[in-house]
Protein backbone atom coordinates (compact mmCIF):
# COMPACT_ATOMS: atom_id res chain seq x y z
CA MET A 1 -13.66 -79.96 7.40
CA ASN A 2 -12.55 -83.47 6.86
CA ILE A 3 -15.42 -85.96 7.91
CA LYS A 4 -13.34 -88.01 10.24
CA LEU A 5 -12.15 -84.81 12.12
CA ARG A 6 -15.92 -83.76 12.27
CA LEU A 7 -16.82 -87.23 13.92
CA ILE A 8 -13.72 -87.09 16.03
CA ILE A 9 -15.10 -83.97 17.73
CA MET A 10 -18.51 -85.52 17.84
CA ASN A 11 -17.12 -88.46 19.80
CA PHE A 12 -14.83 -86.24 22.19
CA LEU A 13 -17.84 -84.43 23.33
CA GLN A 14 -20.20 -87.14 23.46
CA PHE A 15 -18.24 -89.06 25.93
CA ALA A 16 -16.80 -86.09 27.75
CA VAL A 17 -20.14 -85.50 28.67
CA TRP A 18 -20.70 -88.74 30.35
CA GLY A 19 -17.08 -88.79 31.86
CA SER A 20 -17.66 -85.53 33.77
CA TYR A 21 -19.89 -87.55 36.41
CA LEU A 22 -20.04 -91.10 35.75
CA THR A 23 -17.25 -92.38 37.71
CA SER A 24 -17.55 -89.83 40.56
CA MET A 25 -21.15 -89.52 41.10
CA GLY A 26 -21.14 -92.33 43.64
CA SER A 27 -18.67 -90.60 45.87
CA TYR A 28 -20.71 -87.54 45.78
CA LEU A 29 -23.60 -89.50 47.01
CA VAL A 30 -21.71 -90.99 49.87
CA ASN A 31 -20.89 -87.48 50.82
CA VAL A 32 -24.51 -86.41 51.10
CA ASN A 33 -25.62 -89.36 52.89
CA LEU A 34 -27.38 -91.11 49.64
CA ALA A 35 -24.55 -94.05 49.60
CA GLY A 36 -27.73 -96.56 49.79
CA HIS A 37 -29.09 -95.05 46.60
CA ILE A 38 -25.97 -95.20 44.19
CA GLY A 39 -27.57 -98.31 42.53
CA ILE A 40 -30.70 -96.67 41.81
CA PHE A 41 -29.01 -93.79 40.38
CA TYR A 42 -26.78 -95.82 38.02
CA ALA A 43 -29.84 -98.13 37.19
CA MET A 44 -31.89 -95.18 36.03
CA GLN A 45 -29.60 -95.06 33.06
CA GLY A 46 -30.50 -98.55 32.35
CA ILE A 47 -34.21 -97.95 33.11
CA VAL A 48 -34.55 -95.05 30.74
CA SER A 49 -32.49 -97.24 27.95
CA LEU A 50 -35.27 -99.73 27.94
CA PHE A 51 -37.45 -97.44 25.87
CA MET A 52 -35.79 -94.04 25.23
CA PRO A 53 -33.22 -95.35 22.58
CA ALA A 54 -35.81 -97.15 20.74
CA ILE A 55 -38.15 -94.27 20.65
CA MET A 56 -35.33 -91.88 19.47
CA GLY A 57 -34.28 -94.47 16.94
CA ILE A 58 -37.56 -94.92 15.56
CA ILE A 59 -37.99 -91.28 15.29
CA ALA A 60 -34.48 -91.01 13.58
CA ASP A 61 -35.22 -93.65 11.04
CA ARG A 62 -38.73 -92.41 10.19
CA TRP A 63 -39.20 -88.70 10.68
CA VAL A 64 -36.43 -86.51 12.19
CA PRO A 65 -32.68 -86.52 10.96
CA ALA A 66 -30.34 -88.27 13.77
CA GLN A 67 -28.13 -85.26 13.86
CA LYS A 68 -30.94 -82.88 14.70
CA LEU A 69 -32.26 -85.39 17.25
CA LEU A 70 -28.87 -85.72 18.81
CA SER A 71 -28.72 -81.98 19.28
CA PHE A 72 -32.13 -81.67 20.96
CA SER A 73 -31.46 -84.27 23.12
CA HIS A 74 -28.22 -83.07 24.47
CA PHE A 75 -29.85 -79.69 25.11
CA MET A 76 -32.28 -81.09 27.11
CA ALA A 77 -29.98 -83.42 29.13
CA ALA A 78 -27.83 -80.42 29.59
CA ILE A 79 -30.54 -78.18 31.10
CA PHE A 80 -31.81 -81.08 33.65
CA MET A 81 -28.12 -81.81 34.72
CA GLY A 82 -27.58 -78.21 35.29
CA LEU A 83 -30.57 -77.90 37.37
CA ALA A 84 -29.50 -80.89 39.49
CA GLY A 85 -26.19 -79.17 40.15
CA TYR A 86 -27.86 -75.96 41.09
CA TYR A 87 -30.01 -78.12 43.57
CA GLY A 88 -26.95 -79.88 44.87
CA MET A 89 -25.38 -76.30 45.31
CA THR A 90 -28.29 -74.64 47.30
CA SER A 91 -28.91 -77.85 49.46
CA GLY A 92 -25.52 -78.39 50.73
CA GLN A 93 -25.48 -81.53 53.01
CA ASP A 94 -29.47 -81.31 53.21
CA VAL A 95 -29.79 -82.81 49.73
CA GLU A 96 -32.88 -85.18 49.50
CA PHE A 97 -33.07 -88.19 47.26
CA GLY A 98 -36.28 -87.06 45.36
CA PRO A 99 -35.50 -83.76 43.75
CA LEU A 100 -31.90 -84.60 42.85
CA PHE A 101 -32.82 -88.22 41.59
CA GLY A 102 -35.71 -86.48 39.50
CA LEU A 103 -33.55 -84.05 37.69
CA TYR A 104 -30.72 -86.49 37.26
CA ALA A 105 -33.35 -89.17 35.63
CA LEU A 106 -34.62 -86.53 33.45
CA SER A 107 -31.20 -85.60 32.23
CA VAL A 108 -30.02 -89.21 31.44
CA ALA A 109 -33.40 -90.14 29.90
CA PHE A 110 -32.35 -87.62 27.10
CA TYR A 111 -28.62 -88.52 27.35
CA MET A 112 -28.73 -92.28 26.76
CA PRO A 113 -30.45 -92.38 23.48
CA THR A 114 -27.49 -90.31 22.22
CA LEU A 115 -25.31 -93.05 22.49
CA ALA A 116 -26.89 -95.00 19.66
CA LEU A 117 -27.88 -91.72 17.69
CA SER A 118 -24.12 -90.84 17.57
CA ASN A 119 -23.24 -94.24 16.22
CA SER A 120 -25.77 -93.86 13.58
CA VAL A 121 -24.71 -90.39 12.53
CA ALA A 122 -21.27 -91.72 12.36
CA TYR A 123 -21.96 -95.15 10.31
CA THR A 124 -24.10 -92.73 7.84
CA ALA A 125 -21.47 -90.33 7.38
CA LEU A 126 -18.70 -92.96 6.91
CA ASP A 127 -20.99 -94.82 4.27
CA LYS A 128 -21.62 -91.50 2.35
CA ALA A 129 -17.94 -91.09 2.37
CA GLY A 130 -17.37 -94.48 0.84
CA LEU A 131 -15.47 -95.40 4.12
CA ASP A 132 -15.51 -98.97 5.60
CA THR A 133 -17.12 -98.57 9.18
CA ILE A 134 -15.14 -101.61 10.47
CA LYS A 135 -11.77 -100.06 9.37
CA HIS A 136 -12.49 -96.44 10.08
CA PHE A 137 -14.94 -95.96 13.10
CA PRO A 138 -12.77 -97.56 15.99
CA PRO A 139 -9.93 -94.99 15.39
CA ILE A 140 -12.51 -92.32 15.35
CA ARG A 141 -14.31 -93.75 18.49
CA ILE A 142 -11.00 -93.51 20.39
CA PHE A 143 -11.62 -89.94 20.75
CA GLY A 144 -14.77 -90.53 22.61
CA THR A 145 -12.80 -92.38 25.32
CA ILE A 146 -10.21 -89.50 25.07
CA GLY A 147 -13.02 -87.08 25.82
CA PHE A 148 -14.13 -89.14 28.75
CA ILE A 149 -10.64 -89.10 30.47
CA CYS A 150 -10.28 -85.45 29.69
CA ALA A 151 -13.57 -84.75 31.65
CA MET A 152 -12.46 -87.09 34.41
CA TRP A 153 -9.27 -85.48 34.87
CA LEU A 154 -10.81 -81.91 34.77
CA VAL A 155 -13.39 -83.11 37.59
CA ASP A 156 -10.55 -84.57 39.71
CA ILE A 157 -8.12 -81.56 39.02
CA LEU A 158 -10.65 -78.99 39.79
CA GLY A 159 -11.56 -80.71 43.04
CA LEU A 160 -15.11 -81.53 41.93
CA GLN A 161 -15.41 -85.40 41.96
CA ASN A 162 -17.00 -85.34 45.72
CA ASN A 163 -19.46 -82.39 45.14
CA TYR A 164 -22.07 -81.09 42.79
CA GLY A 165 -19.81 -79.32 40.76
CA GLN A 166 -19.34 -82.33 38.27
CA PHE A 167 -23.14 -81.89 37.17
CA PHE A 168 -22.37 -78.36 36.39
CA THR A 169 -19.28 -79.64 34.19
CA CYS A 170 -21.53 -82.11 32.40
CA ALA A 171 -24.25 -79.57 31.68
CA ILE A 172 -21.52 -76.99 30.01
CA ILE A 173 -20.09 -79.54 27.92
CA GLY A 174 -23.59 -80.82 26.81
CA LEU A 175 -24.71 -77.28 25.62
CA VAL A 176 -21.76 -77.11 23.52
CA TYR A 177 -22.27 -80.58 21.90
CA GLY A 178 -25.85 -79.56 21.35
CA CYS A 179 -24.62 -76.77 19.35
CA TYR A 180 -22.04 -78.72 17.36
CA ALA A 181 -24.29 -81.48 16.55
CA LEU A 182 -26.58 -79.29 14.35
CA THR A 183 -23.24 -78.77 12.14
CA LEU A 184 -23.04 -82.60 11.58
CA PRO A 185 -23.92 -84.38 8.16
CA SER A 186 -27.33 -84.91 7.39
CA CYS A 187 -28.74 -88.24 8.01
CA PRO A 188 -31.62 -89.36 5.80
CA THR A 189 -34.95 -90.67 7.07
CA SER A 190 -36.50 -93.65 5.39
CA LYS A 191 -40.18 -92.65 4.81
CA GLY A 192 -40.41 -94.49 1.63
CA GLY A 193 -43.62 -94.14 -0.92
CA GLN A 194 -44.81 -97.72 -0.90
CA SER A 195 -47.53 -99.14 1.51
CA LYS A 196 -46.25 -100.36 4.57
CA SER A 197 -47.38 -102.63 7.72
CA LEU A 198 -47.90 -100.97 11.18
CA VAL A 199 -44.55 -102.48 12.26
CA GLU A 200 -42.67 -101.07 9.56
CA ALA A 201 -44.65 -97.55 9.85
CA LEU A 202 -43.37 -97.41 13.49
CA GLY A 203 -40.08 -98.59 12.99
CA LEU A 204 -40.36 -101.42 15.08
CA ARG A 205 -38.98 -103.93 12.28
CA ALA A 206 -35.60 -104.04 14.59
CA PHE A 207 -37.49 -106.01 17.29
CA THR A 208 -38.22 -108.84 14.56
CA LEU A 209 -34.52 -109.60 14.86
CA PHE A 210 -35.25 -111.83 17.77
CA LYS A 211 -36.93 -114.24 15.29
CA GLN A 212 -33.42 -114.91 14.02
CA LYS A 213 -31.96 -117.64 16.58
CA LYS A 214 -28.44 -116.26 16.16
CA MET A 215 -29.49 -112.55 17.04
CA ALA A 216 -31.94 -113.73 19.80
CA ILE A 217 -28.95 -115.21 21.48
CA PHE A 218 -26.69 -112.64 20.86
CA PHE A 219 -28.89 -109.70 22.20
CA ILE A 220 -29.76 -111.99 25.31
CA PHE A 221 -25.95 -112.38 26.21
CA SER A 222 -25.47 -108.60 25.43
CA MET A 223 -28.04 -108.08 28.03
CA LEU A 224 -26.14 -110.62 30.52
CA LEU A 225 -22.94 -109.19 29.56
CA GLY A 226 -24.45 -105.47 30.14
CA VAL A 227 -24.86 -106.49 33.68
CA SER A 228 -21.28 -105.76 34.46
CA LEU A 229 -21.13 -102.39 32.61
CA GLN A 230 -21.99 -99.86 35.30
CA ILE A 231 -20.79 -101.89 38.53
CA THR A 232 -17.17 -100.17 38.42
CA ASN A 233 -18.57 -96.84 37.37
CA GLY A 234 -20.83 -96.78 40.49
CA PHE A 235 -18.79 -98.43 43.13
CA ALA A 236 -15.02 -98.23 42.05
CA ASN A 237 -14.50 -94.63 43.29
CA PRO A 238 -16.46 -95.13 46.68
CA TYR A 239 -14.50 -98.51 47.22
CA ILE A 240 -11.01 -96.77 46.60
CA SER A 241 -11.64 -93.97 48.60
CA SER A 242 -12.77 -95.84 51.39
CA PHE A 243 -9.30 -97.09 51.83
CA GLY A 244 -8.77 -93.52 53.37
CA SER A 245 -10.02 -94.90 56.59
CA ILE A 246 -7.03 -97.00 57.09
CA PRO A 247 -3.83 -94.88 58.11
CA GLU A 248 -1.35 -96.63 55.76
CA TYR A 249 -3.46 -95.85 52.68
CA ALA A 250 -4.85 -92.41 53.49
CA ASP A 251 -2.19 -90.60 51.79
CA THR A 252 -1.68 -92.77 48.65
CA PHE A 253 -2.32 -91.46 45.36
CA GLY A 254 -5.26 -93.78 44.49
CA VAL A 255 -7.07 -92.57 47.64
CA GLN A 256 -6.40 -88.79 47.12
CA HIS A 257 -7.07 -89.09 43.31
CA ALA A 258 -9.35 -91.98 42.70
CA ASN A 259 -10.75 -90.46 39.57
CA ILE A 260 -7.42 -90.19 37.86
CA LEU A 261 -6.34 -93.80 39.00
CA ILE A 262 -9.88 -95.05 37.66
CA SER A 263 -9.30 -93.08 34.40
CA LEU A 264 -6.47 -95.71 33.30
CA SER A 265 -9.34 -97.99 32.56
CA GLN A 266 -10.32 -95.27 29.88
CA VAL A 267 -6.64 -95.25 28.61
CA SER A 268 -6.65 -98.77 28.36
CA GLU A 269 -10.17 -98.69 26.37
CA THR A 270 -8.62 -95.81 24.05
CA LEU A 271 -5.61 -98.28 23.00
CA CYS A 272 -8.08 -101.53 22.87
CA ILE A 273 -10.08 -99.70 20.32
CA LEU A 274 -7.33 -100.13 17.93
CA LEU A 275 -7.31 -103.92 18.23
CA ILE A 276 -10.94 -104.59 16.98
CA PRO A 277 -10.69 -104.40 13.43
CA PHE A 278 -7.88 -107.17 13.62
CA PHE A 279 -9.57 -109.30 16.61
CA LEU A 280 -13.00 -109.29 14.64
CA LYS A 281 -11.76 -110.19 11.28
CA ARG A 282 -9.26 -112.86 12.55
CA PHE A 283 -11.45 -114.36 15.36
CA GLY A 284 -14.87 -113.09 14.75
CA ILE A 285 -17.75 -111.94 17.12
CA LYS A 286 -17.88 -115.21 19.33
CA ARG A 287 -14.34 -115.44 20.25
CA VAL A 288 -14.08 -111.41 20.77
CA MET A 289 -17.03 -111.47 23.15
CA LEU A 290 -15.45 -114.36 25.21
CA ILE A 291 -12.42 -112.32 25.48
CA ALA A 292 -14.33 -109.59 26.75
CA MET A 293 -16.37 -111.76 29.21
CA PHE A 294 -13.13 -113.21 30.90
CA ALA A 295 -11.67 -109.93 30.93
CA TRP A 296 -14.57 -108.97 33.08
CA VAL A 297 -13.86 -111.79 35.49
CA LEU A 298 -10.39 -110.35 35.74
CA ARG A 299 -11.47 -106.64 36.26
CA PHE A 300 -13.61 -107.64 39.12
CA GLY A 301 -11.17 -110.26 40.77
CA LEU A 302 -8.24 -107.79 40.64
CA PHE A 303 -10.58 -105.17 42.13
CA GLY A 304 -11.27 -107.42 44.93
CA ALA A 305 -7.83 -108.48 45.53
CA GLY A 306 -5.94 -105.18 45.24
CA ASN A 307 -5.33 -102.15 47.48
CA PRO A 308 -3.79 -98.48 47.05
CA GLY A 309 -0.56 -99.53 48.92
CA SER A 310 1.56 -102.71 48.08
CA GLY A 311 -1.36 -104.04 46.13
CA VAL A 312 -1.81 -101.21 43.81
CA TRP A 313 -0.32 -103.24 40.91
CA MET A 314 -3.64 -105.47 41.03
CA PHE A 315 -5.75 -102.22 40.62
CA LEU A 316 -3.54 -101.15 37.79
CA LEU A 317 -3.83 -104.46 36.01
CA SER A 318 -7.74 -104.23 36.67
CA MET A 319 -7.60 -100.88 34.85
CA ILE A 320 -5.58 -102.49 31.98
CA VAL A 321 -8.10 -105.09 31.37
CA TYR A 322 -10.94 -102.98 31.48
CA GLY A 323 -10.19 -101.85 27.96
CA VAL A 324 -10.59 -105.27 26.68
CA ALA A 325 -13.69 -106.09 28.70
CA PHE A 326 -15.67 -102.84 27.47
CA ASP A 327 -14.31 -102.32 24.01
CA PHE A 328 -14.54 -106.06 22.97
CA PHE A 329 -18.14 -106.04 24.01
CA ASN A 330 -19.52 -102.81 23.40
CA ILE A 331 -17.82 -101.42 20.37
CA SER A 332 -17.60 -104.95 18.54
CA GLY A 333 -21.13 -105.67 19.49
CA SER A 334 -22.22 -102.39 17.82
CA LEU A 335 -20.24 -103.23 14.67
CA PHE A 336 -21.62 -106.87 14.55
CA VAL A 337 -25.38 -105.44 14.80
CA ASP A 338 -24.61 -102.72 12.01
CA ARG A 339 -23.39 -105.47 9.53
CA GLU A 340 -26.15 -108.07 10.54
CA THR A 341 -29.15 -105.74 10.07
CA ASP A 342 -30.71 -103.94 7.15
CA LYS A 343 -29.64 -100.29 6.67
CA GLU A 344 -33.23 -99.15 6.84
CA ILE A 345 -33.62 -100.10 10.47
CA ARG A 346 -29.85 -98.89 11.39
CA SER A 347 -31.00 -96.60 13.98
CA SER A 348 -33.61 -98.86 15.64
CA ALA A 349 -31.07 -101.66 15.59
CA GLN A 350 -28.60 -99.77 17.43
CA GLY A 351 -31.25 -98.71 19.65
CA LEU A 352 -32.36 -102.26 20.47
CA PHE A 353 -28.66 -103.18 21.04
CA ILE A 354 -28.66 -100.24 23.87
CA ILE A 355 -31.88 -101.52 25.17
CA MET A 356 -30.45 -104.80 25.91
CA THR A 357 -26.83 -103.67 27.06
CA ASN A 358 -27.36 -100.20 28.79
CA GLY A 359 -31.18 -100.98 29.47
CA LEU A 360 -31.88 -104.29 30.62
CA GLY A 361 -28.60 -105.52 31.46
CA ALA A 362 -27.11 -102.27 33.39
CA THR A 363 -30.65 -101.95 35.43
CA ILE A 364 -30.38 -105.41 36.64
CA GLY A 365 -26.60 -105.20 37.14
CA THR A 366 -26.62 -101.80 39.28
CA LEU A 367 -29.85 -102.85 41.35
CA GLY A 368 -28.16 -106.19 41.91
CA ALA A 369 -24.66 -104.80 42.46
CA GLN A 370 -26.23 -102.47 45.05
CA ALA A 371 -28.14 -105.29 46.94
CA VAL A 372 -24.74 -107.31 47.12
CA VAL A 373 -22.75 -104.18 48.28
CA ASN A 374 -25.47 -103.42 50.91
CA HIS A 375 -25.19 -107.17 52.13
CA PHE A 376 -21.56 -106.95 52.64
CA VAL A 377 -20.78 -103.34 53.19
CA ASP A 378 -22.12 -101.16 56.33
CA PHE A 379 -21.89 -97.47 55.22
CA SER A 380 -22.84 -96.49 58.76
CA SER A 381 -19.85 -98.21 60.34
CA GLU A 382 -16.72 -96.11 61.33
CA LEU A 383 -14.75 -99.46 61.08
CA PRO A 384 -12.95 -100.09 57.67
CA GLN A 385 -15.01 -102.08 55.15
CA THR A 386 -12.40 -103.27 53.03
CA GLY A 387 -12.73 -106.90 53.53
CA GLN A 388 -16.60 -106.55 52.99
CA TRP A 389 -15.94 -104.64 49.78
CA GLN A 390 -13.46 -107.35 48.53
CA ALA A 391 -16.36 -109.86 49.05
CA ALA A 392 -18.69 -107.87 46.83
CA TRP A 393 -15.95 -107.90 44.07
CA PHE A 394 -15.39 -111.37 44.10
CA THR A 395 -19.31 -112.10 43.76
CA PHE A 396 -19.24 -109.93 40.69
CA ALA A 397 -16.31 -111.88 39.33
CA ALA A 398 -17.92 -115.06 40.02
CA TYR A 399 -21.02 -113.89 38.05
CA ALA A 400 -18.93 -112.89 34.86
CA LEU A 401 -17.21 -116.34 34.88
CA VAL A 402 -20.55 -118.17 34.86
CA VAL A 403 -21.99 -115.93 32.04
CA ALA A 404 -18.62 -116.63 29.89
CA VAL A 405 -18.95 -120.29 30.41
CA VAL A 406 -22.58 -120.48 29.42
CA PHE A 407 -21.88 -118.33 26.24
CA ALA A 408 -19.20 -120.33 25.05
CA PHE A 409 -21.62 -123.17 24.78
CA VAL A 410 -24.64 -121.66 23.78
CA PHE A 411 -23.83 -118.95 21.06
CA LYS A 412 -23.10 -120.63 17.66
CA TYR A 413 -21.67 -118.30 15.02
CA LYS A 414 -19.84 -119.40 11.71
CA HIS A 415 -17.01 -116.49 11.34
CA GLU A 416 -16.68 -115.30 7.98
CA PRO A 417 -13.65 -112.96 7.79
CA GLU A 418 -15.00 -111.51 4.48
CA LYS A 419 -17.94 -110.11 6.09
CA MET A 420 -16.19 -108.23 8.80
């Protein structure tokens, strides 16, 4: 089978696992009276990303081929997510925070490292085939987003976005992927025969990247921008669904099918991936990340200003700019790290990038977002809370604007088109 096709299938399954619950879990938690815990559920993805991607990256660099570790991780994630679904099914409305959160946490602990591992597998396979990663990876990565969208639509159409069924869907896809990962091209480890320092022996050399001012500043701002990553995933569905308490919006498409409406964000993401090679070569990483930051400002601001009725065009525009906000940061950042680091620490460096974005950034972001939402929104009230929700979205937009302005002045990088 053609290597590109094999990597396309890998990316499709990788993100279908995530898309089956990531944007709809918040609504399920609201339905089982755990709305006050939405933040910690999404923050857990960040908490485990503080250490699991680094640990798995080190193991993949030093001892176990990345594709085998990818398979093992997905098998374990699927098992625990399936158990979370079973607990939700047997408990009904009597779901308790502890058991559900515990099983979910174990699942994401094994899933989050696979974001970096799948990138390492793809970059290694493309290198072996003599293909340029900047040119060939983005079109392959598109199918990851397509997989995410397909999973979102499947969960919505099957009526699972408000119940435990989304966890079973995630588990089934994960088991399929775990089997498929074993068929992917082998990724060599870097044992080496020469004497090595303790840092090199443990595969921790990626952390020495912080000694480079350019990379240190890049990783710090990756963390600050990573704050925005999970906010809409956790709160967009409950926010749009909350309009259902207002008669004029109750029967609108957005309220009835929030997941499908939100999936337009991923459609935009799919299309924007194709723009990355051009923008990176033409403008460089600094301008590309600035574009992403200002796109986050629009993403949040338009969410706050829109509604599922006459203002649905603002929701739609927010979905469109999401593609720029996510891709121009996440995909471009990953490619930048790949180009600026040695091949021997490829998996570790990708793991470090995930730590700063999906780890520190997303943890701070989702816990902070929960605090902001709790400050403005009263989940126990029977009165519509749309005005309160809007205040929260405008707060998020203001944060993204401040980060963008500071980044413009602090991050210095001379763009060399021939390197990208």
